[in-house]
PDB file of N, CA and C in Angstrom:
ATOM      1  N   MET A   1      -6.107 -23.535   3.211  1.00  0.00           N
ATOM      2  CA  MET A   1      -6.409 -23.386   1.799  1.00  0.00           C
ATOM      3  C   MET A   1      -5.923 -24.621   1.286  1.00  0.00           C
ATOM      4  N   TYR A   2      -6.589 -25.546   0.566  1.00  0.00           N
ATOM      5  CA  TYR A   2      -6.093 -26.745  -0.083  1.00  0.00           C
ATOM      6  C   TYR A   2      -6.524 -26.641  -1.474  1.00  0.00           C
ATOM      7  N   CYS A   3      -5.529 -27.200  -2.311  1.00  0.00           N
ATOM      8  CA  CYS A   3      -5.965 -27.323  -3.822  1.00  0.00           C
ATOM      9  C   CYS A   3      -5.814 -28.697  -4.073  1.00  0.00           C
ATOM     10  N   VAL A   4      -7.050 -29.102  -4.463  1.00  0.00           N
ATOM     11  CA  VAL A   4      -7.024 -30.584  -4.581  1.00  0.00           C
ATOM     12  C   VAL A   4      -7.968 -30.923  -5.989  1.00  0.00           C
ATOM     13  N   CYS A   5      -7.882 -32.293  -6.227  1.00  0.00           N
ATOM     14  CA  CYS A   5      -8.586 -32.904  -7.581  1.00  0.00           C
ATOM     15  C   CYS A   5      -9.918 -33.141  -6.928  1.00  0.00           C
ATOM     16  N   ARG A   6     -10.910 -33.393  -7.736  1.00  0.00           N
ATOM     17  CA  ARG A   6     -12.344 -33.813  -7.421  1.00  0.00           C
ATOM     18  C   ARG A   6     -12.389 -34.978  -6.551  1.00  0.00           C
ATOM     19  N   GLU A   7     -11.588 -35.660  -6.583  1.00  0.00           N
ATOM     20  CA  GLU A   7     -11.487 -37.242  -5.562  1.00  0.00           C
ATOM     21  C   GLU A   7     -11.244 -36.770  -4.082  1.00  0.00           C
ATOM     22  N   HIS A   8     -10.411 -35.758  -3.914  1.00  0.00           N
ATOM     23  CA  HIS A   8     -10.087 -35.400  -2.698  1.00  0.00           C
ATOM     24  C   HIS A   8     -10.681 -34.183  -2.114  1.00  0.00           C
ATOM     25  N   VAL A   9     -11.939 -33.698  -2.608  1.00  0.00           N
ATOM     26  CA  VAL A   9     -12.694 -32.440  -2.091  1.00  0.00           C
ATOM     27  C   VAL A   9     -13.045 -32.763  -0.607  1.00  0.00           C
ATOM     28  N   GLU A  10     -13.912 -33.960  -0.594  1.00  0.00           N
ATOM     29  CA  GLU A  10     -14.242 -34.354   0.645  1.00  0.00           C
ATOM     30  C   GLU A  10     -13.268 -34.274   1.844  1.00  0.00           C
ATOM     31  N   LEU A  11     -12.244 -34.831   1.707  1.00  0.00           N
ATOM     32  CA  LEU A  11     -11.030 -35.025   2.778  1.00  0.00           C
ATOM     33  C   LEU A  11     -10.782 -33.492   2.845  1.00  0.00           C
ATOM     34  N   ALA A  12     -10.554 -32.648   1.923  1.00  0.00           N
ATOM     35  CA  ALA A  12     -10.018 -31.333   2.069  1.00  0.00           C
ATOM     36  C   ALA A  12     -11.007 -30.320   2.887  1.00  0.00           C
ATOM     37  N   ILE A  13     -12.229 -30.586   2.541  1.00  0.00           N
ATOM     38  CA  ILE A  13     -13.382 -29.970   3.489  1.00  0.00           C
ATOM     39  C   ILE A  13     -13.451 -30.418   4.954  1.00  0.00           C
ATOM     40  N   ASP A  14     -13.285 -31.674   5.146  1.00  0.00           N
ATOM     41  CA  ASP A  14     -13.040 -32.307   6.540  1.00  0.00           C
ATOM     42  C   ASP A  14     -12.104 -31.581   7.365  1.00  0.00           C
ATOM     43  N   LYS A  15     -10.788 -31.608   6.723  1.00  0.00           N
ATOM     44  CA  LYS A  15      -9.673 -30.850   7.279  1.00  0.00           C
ATOM     45  C   LYS A  15      -9.688 -29.589   7.498  1.00  0.00           C
ATOM     46  N   PHE A  16     -10.393 -28.826   6.620  1.00  0.00           N
ATOM     47  CA  PHE A  16     -10.778 -27.473   6.660  1.00  0.00           C
ATOM     48  C   PHE A  16     -11.784 -27.143   7.929  1.00  0.00           C
ATOM     49  N   VAL A  17     -12.765 -27.978   7.903  1.00  0.00           N
ATOM     50  CA  VAL A  17     -13.618 -27.747   9.059  1.00  0.00           C
ATOM     51  C   VAL A  17     -12.908 -27.919  10.532  1.00  0.00           C
ATOM     52  N   ASP A  18     -12.163 -29.077  10.468  1.00  0.00           N
ATOM     53  CA  ASP A  18     -11.570 -29.672  11.579  1.00  0.00           C
ATOM     54  C   ASP A  18     -10.579 -28.450  12.150  1.00  0.00           C
ATOM     55  N   GLU A  19      -9.971 -27.725  11.297  1.00  0.00           N
ATOM     56  CA  GLU A  19      -9.015 -26.842  11.515  1.00  0.00           C
ATOM     57  C   GLU A  19      -9.695 -25.250  12.024  1.00  0.00           C
ATOM     58  N   TYR A  20     -10.513 -24.882  11.089  1.00  0.00           N
ATOM     59  CA  TYR A  20     -10.964 -23.674  11.194  1.00  0.00           C
ATOM     60  C   TYR A  20     -12.563 -23.710  11.891  1.00  0.00           C
ATOM     61  N   GLU A  21     -13.167 -24.699  12.179  1.00  0.00           N
ATOM     62  CA  GLU A  21     -14.524 -24.742  12.625  1.00  0.00           C
ATOM     63  C   GLU A  21     -15.518 -23.896  11.829  1.00  0.00           C
ATOM     64  N   ASP A  22     -15.297 -23.976  10.592  1.00  0.00           N
ATOM     65  CA  ASP A  22     -16.438 -23.192   9.720  1.00  0.00           C
ATOM     66  C   ASP A  22     -16.504 -23.789   8.343  1.00  0.00           C
ATOM     67  N   ALA A  23     -17.305 -23.673   7.592  1.00  0.00           N
ATOM     68  CA  ALA A  23     -17.525 -24.165   6.347  1.00  0.00           C
ATOM     69  C   ALA A  23     -16.809 -23.423   5.239  1.00  0.00           C
ATOM     70  N   PRO A  24     -16.032 -24.116   4.216  1.00  0.00           N
ATOM     71  CA  PRO A  24     -14.970 -23.488   3.564  1.00  0.00           C
ATOM     72  C   PRO A  24     -15.885 -23.147   2.219  1.00  0.00           C
ATOM     73  N   ASP A  25     -15.430 -22.068   1.487  1.00  0.00           N
ATOM     74  CA  ASP A  25     -15.867 -21.944   0.146  1.00  0.00           C
ATOM     75  C   ASP A  25     -15.075 -22.675  -0.852  1.00  0.00           C
ATOM     76  N   LEU A  26     -15.676 -23.167  -1.942  1.00  0.00           N
ATOM     77  CA  LEU A  26     -15.198 -23.913  -2.797  1.00  0.00           C
ATOM     78  C   LEU A  26     -14.958 -23.172  -4.162  1.00  0.00           C
ATOM     79  N   VAL A  27     -13.925 -23.249  -4.737  1.00  0.00           N
ATOM     80  CA  VAL A  27     -13.652 -22.182  -5.965  1.00  0.00           C
ATOM     81  C   VAL A  27     -13.283 -23.315  -7.239  1.00  0.00           C
ATOM     82  N   ASN A  28     -13.922 -23.354  -8.275  1.00  0.00           N
ATOM     83  CA  ASN A  28     -13.779 -24.140  -9.288  1.00  0.00           C
ATOM     84  C   ASN A  28     -12.394 -23.579 -10.046  1.00  0.00           C
ATOM     85  N   LEU A  29     -11.289 -24.032 -10.202  1.00  0.00           N
ATOM     86  CA  LEU A  29     -10.150 -23.569 -10.894  1.00  0.00           C
ATOM     87  C   LEU A  29      -9.947 -23.659 -12.294  1.00  0.00           C
ATOM     88  N   GLN A  30     -11.143 -24.307 -12.777  1.00  0.00           N
ATOM     89  CA  GLN A  30     -11.235 -24.452 -14.254  1.00  0.00           C
ATOM     90  C   GLN A  30     -11.719 -23.288 -14.927  1.00  0.00           C
ATOM     91  N   THR A  31     -12.756 -22.388 -14.183  1.00  0.00           N
ATOM     92  CA  THR A  31     -13.233 -21.447 -14.553  1.00  0.00           C
ATOM     93  C   THR A  31     -13.012 -20.184 -13.862  1.00  0.00           C
ATOM     94  N   THR A  32     -11.977 -20.040 -12.807  1.00  0.00           N
ATOM     95  CA  THR A  32     -11.552 -18.886 -12.113  1.00  0.00           C
ATOM     96  C   THR A  32     -10.000 -18.855 -12.411  1.00  0.00           C
ATOM     97  N   THR A  33      -9.614 -17.649 -12.446  1.00  0.00           N
ATOM     98  CA  THR A  33      -8.215 -17.291 -12.366  1.00  0.00           C
ATOM     99  C   THR A  33      -8.022 -16.175 -11.542  1.00  0.00           C
ATOM    100  N   PHE A  34      -6.797 -16.118 -11.015  1.00  0.00           N
ATOM    101  CA  PHE A  34      -6.275 -15.040 -10.299  1.00  0.00           C
ATOM    102  C   PHE A  34      -5.086 -14.125 -10.720  1.00  0.00           C
ATOM    103  N   SER A  35      -4.981 -12.927 -10.449  1.00  0.00           N
ATOM    104  CA  SER A  35      -4.002 -12.237 -10.977  1.00  0.00           C
ATOM    105  C   SER A  35      -2.630 -12.290 -10.393  1.00  0.00           C
ATOM    106  N   ALA A  36      -2.716 -12.603  -8.830  1.00  0.00           N
ATOM    107  CA  ALA A  36      -1.548 -12.520  -8.263  1.00  0.00           C
ATOM    108  C   ALA A  36      -1.236 -13.683  -7.742  1.00  0.00           C
ATOM    109  N   TRP A  37      -1.861 -14.885  -8.046  1.00  0.00           N
ATOM    110  CA  TRP A  37      -1.648 -16.264  -7.346  1.00  0.00           C
ATOM    111  C   TRP A  37      -1.819 -17.392  -8.674  1.00  0.00           C
ATOM    112  N   HIS A  38      -1.068 -18.309  -8.708  1.00  0.00           N
ATOM    113  CA  HIS A  38      -1.253 -19.397  -9.631  1.00  0.00           C
ATOM    114  C   HIS A  38      -1.176 -20.681  -8.606  1.00  0.00           C
ATOM    115  N   PRO A  39      -2.413 -21.363  -8.886  1.00  0.00           N
ATOM    116  CA  PRO A  39      -2.606 -22.665  -8.264  1.00  0.00           C
ATOM    117  C   PRO A  39      -1.320 -23.765  -8.624  1.00  0.00           C
ATOM    118  N   PRO A  40      -1.277 -24.776  -7.828  1.00  0.00           N
ATOM    119  CA  PRO A  40      -0.191 -25.686  -8.122  1.00  0.00           C
ATOM    120  C   PRO A  40      -0.715 -26.515  -9.037  1.00  0.00           C
ATOM    121  N   GLU A  41       0.072 -27.408  -9.827  1.00  0.00           N
ATOM    122  CA  GLU A  41      -0.487 -28.114 -11.070  1.00  0.00           C
ATOM    123  C   GLU A  41      -1.185 -29.540 -10.531  1.00  0.00           C
ATOM    124  N   HIS A  42      -0.584 -29.918  -9.033  1.00  0.00           N
ATOM    125  CA  HIS A  42      -1.133 -31.144  -8.801  1.00  0.00           C
ATOM    126  C   HIS A  42      -1.716 -31.284  -7.289  1.00  0.00           C
ATOM    127  N   CYS A  43      -2.674 -32.076  -7.238  1.00  0.00           N
ATOM    128  CA  CYS A  43      -3.419 -32.256  -5.826  1.00  0.00           C
ATOM    129  C   CYS A  43      -2.474 -32.475  -4.871  1.00  0.00           C
ATOM    130  N   GLU A  44      -2.808 -31.857  -3.531  1.00  0.00           N
ATOM    131  CA  GLU A  44      -1.809 -31.976  -2.542  1.00  0.00           C
ATOM    132  C   GLU A  44      -1.781 -33.328  -1.866  1.00  0.00           C
ATOM    133  N   TRP A  45      -2.828 -34.232  -2.258  1.00  0.00           N
ATOM    134  CA  TRP A  45      -2.702 -35.658  -1.620  1.00  0.00           C
ATOM    135  C   TRP A  45      -2.513 -36.696  -2.798  1.00  0.00           C
ATOM    136  N   CYS A  46      -2.485 -36.343  -4.004  1.00  0.00           N
ATOM    137  CA  CYS A  46      -1.914 -37.177  -5.334  1.00  0.00           C
ATOM    138  C   CYS A  46      -1.510 -36.586  -6.384  1.00  0.00           C
ATOM    139  N   GLY A  47      -1.224 -37.201  -7.456  1.00  0.00           N
ATOM    140  CA  GLY A  47      -0.598 -36.636  -8.688  1.00  0.00           C
ATOM    141  C   GLY A  47      -1.606 -36.019  -9.591  1.00  0.00           C
ATOM    142  N   ASN A  48      -3.120 -35.960  -9.315  1.00  0.00           N
ATOM    143  CA  ASN A  48      -3.998 -35.860 -10.278  1.00  0.00           C
ATOM    144  C   ASN A  48      -3.986 -34.009 -10.459  1.00  0.00           C
ATOM    145  N   LYS A  49      -4.645 -33.607 -11.452  1.00  0.00           N
ATOM    146  CA  LYS A  49      -4.632 -32.359 -11.721  1.00  0.00           C
ATOM    147  C   LYS A  49      -5.596 -31.443 -10.630  1.00  0.00           C
ATOM    148  N   VAL A  50      -4.982 -30.369 -10.136  1.00  0.00           N
ATOM    149  CA  VAL A  50      -5.967 -29.556  -9.441  1.00  0.00           C
ATOM    150  C   VAL A  50      -7.265 -29.106 -10.079  1.00  0.00           C
ATOM    151  N   GLU A  51      -8.202 -29.151  -9.591  1.00  0.00           N
ATOM    152  CA  GLU A  51      -9.363 -28.680  -9.734  1.00  0.00           C
ATOM    153  C   GLU A  51     -10.262 -27.797  -8.987  1.00  0.00           C
ATOM    154  N   ILE A  52     -10.112 -27.865  -7.689  1.00  0.00           N
ATOM    155  CA  ILE A  52     -10.878 -27.193  -6.650  1.00  0.00           C
ATOM    156  C   ILE A  52      -9.939 -26.467  -5.596  1.00  0.00           C
ATOM    157  N   LEU A  53     -10.397 -25.400  -5.486  1.00  0.00           N
ATOM    158  CA  LEU A  53      -9.375 -24.582  -4.169  1.00  0.00           C
ATOM    159  C   LEU A  53     -10.502 -24.512  -3.006  1.00  0.00           C
ATOM    160  N   VAL A  54     -10.113 -24.998  -1.957  1.00  0.00           N
ATOM    161  CA  VAL A  54     -10.873 -25.009  -0.731  1.00  0.00           C
ATOM    162  C   VAL A  54     -10.447 -24.015   0.250  1.00  0.00           C
ATOM    163  N   VAL A  55     -11.350 -23.031   0.603  1.00  0.00           N
ATOM    164  CA  VAL A  55     -10.545 -21.829   1.081  1.00  0.00           C
ATOM    165  C   VAL A  55     -11.753 -21.361   1.990  1.00  0.00           C
TER     166      VAL A  55
END
């Protein structure tokens, strides 16, 4: 699972496919909320705001 900005979505997809050998689902964190989990505020690879969950 990767929480990333739009700039790093392709990198996260590539890493997910390399690790799991399957295509990930992409979740827009701007329109989706979770009751038991809160995403980090910053992208895993930079300081930009998290927008996409790759899972």
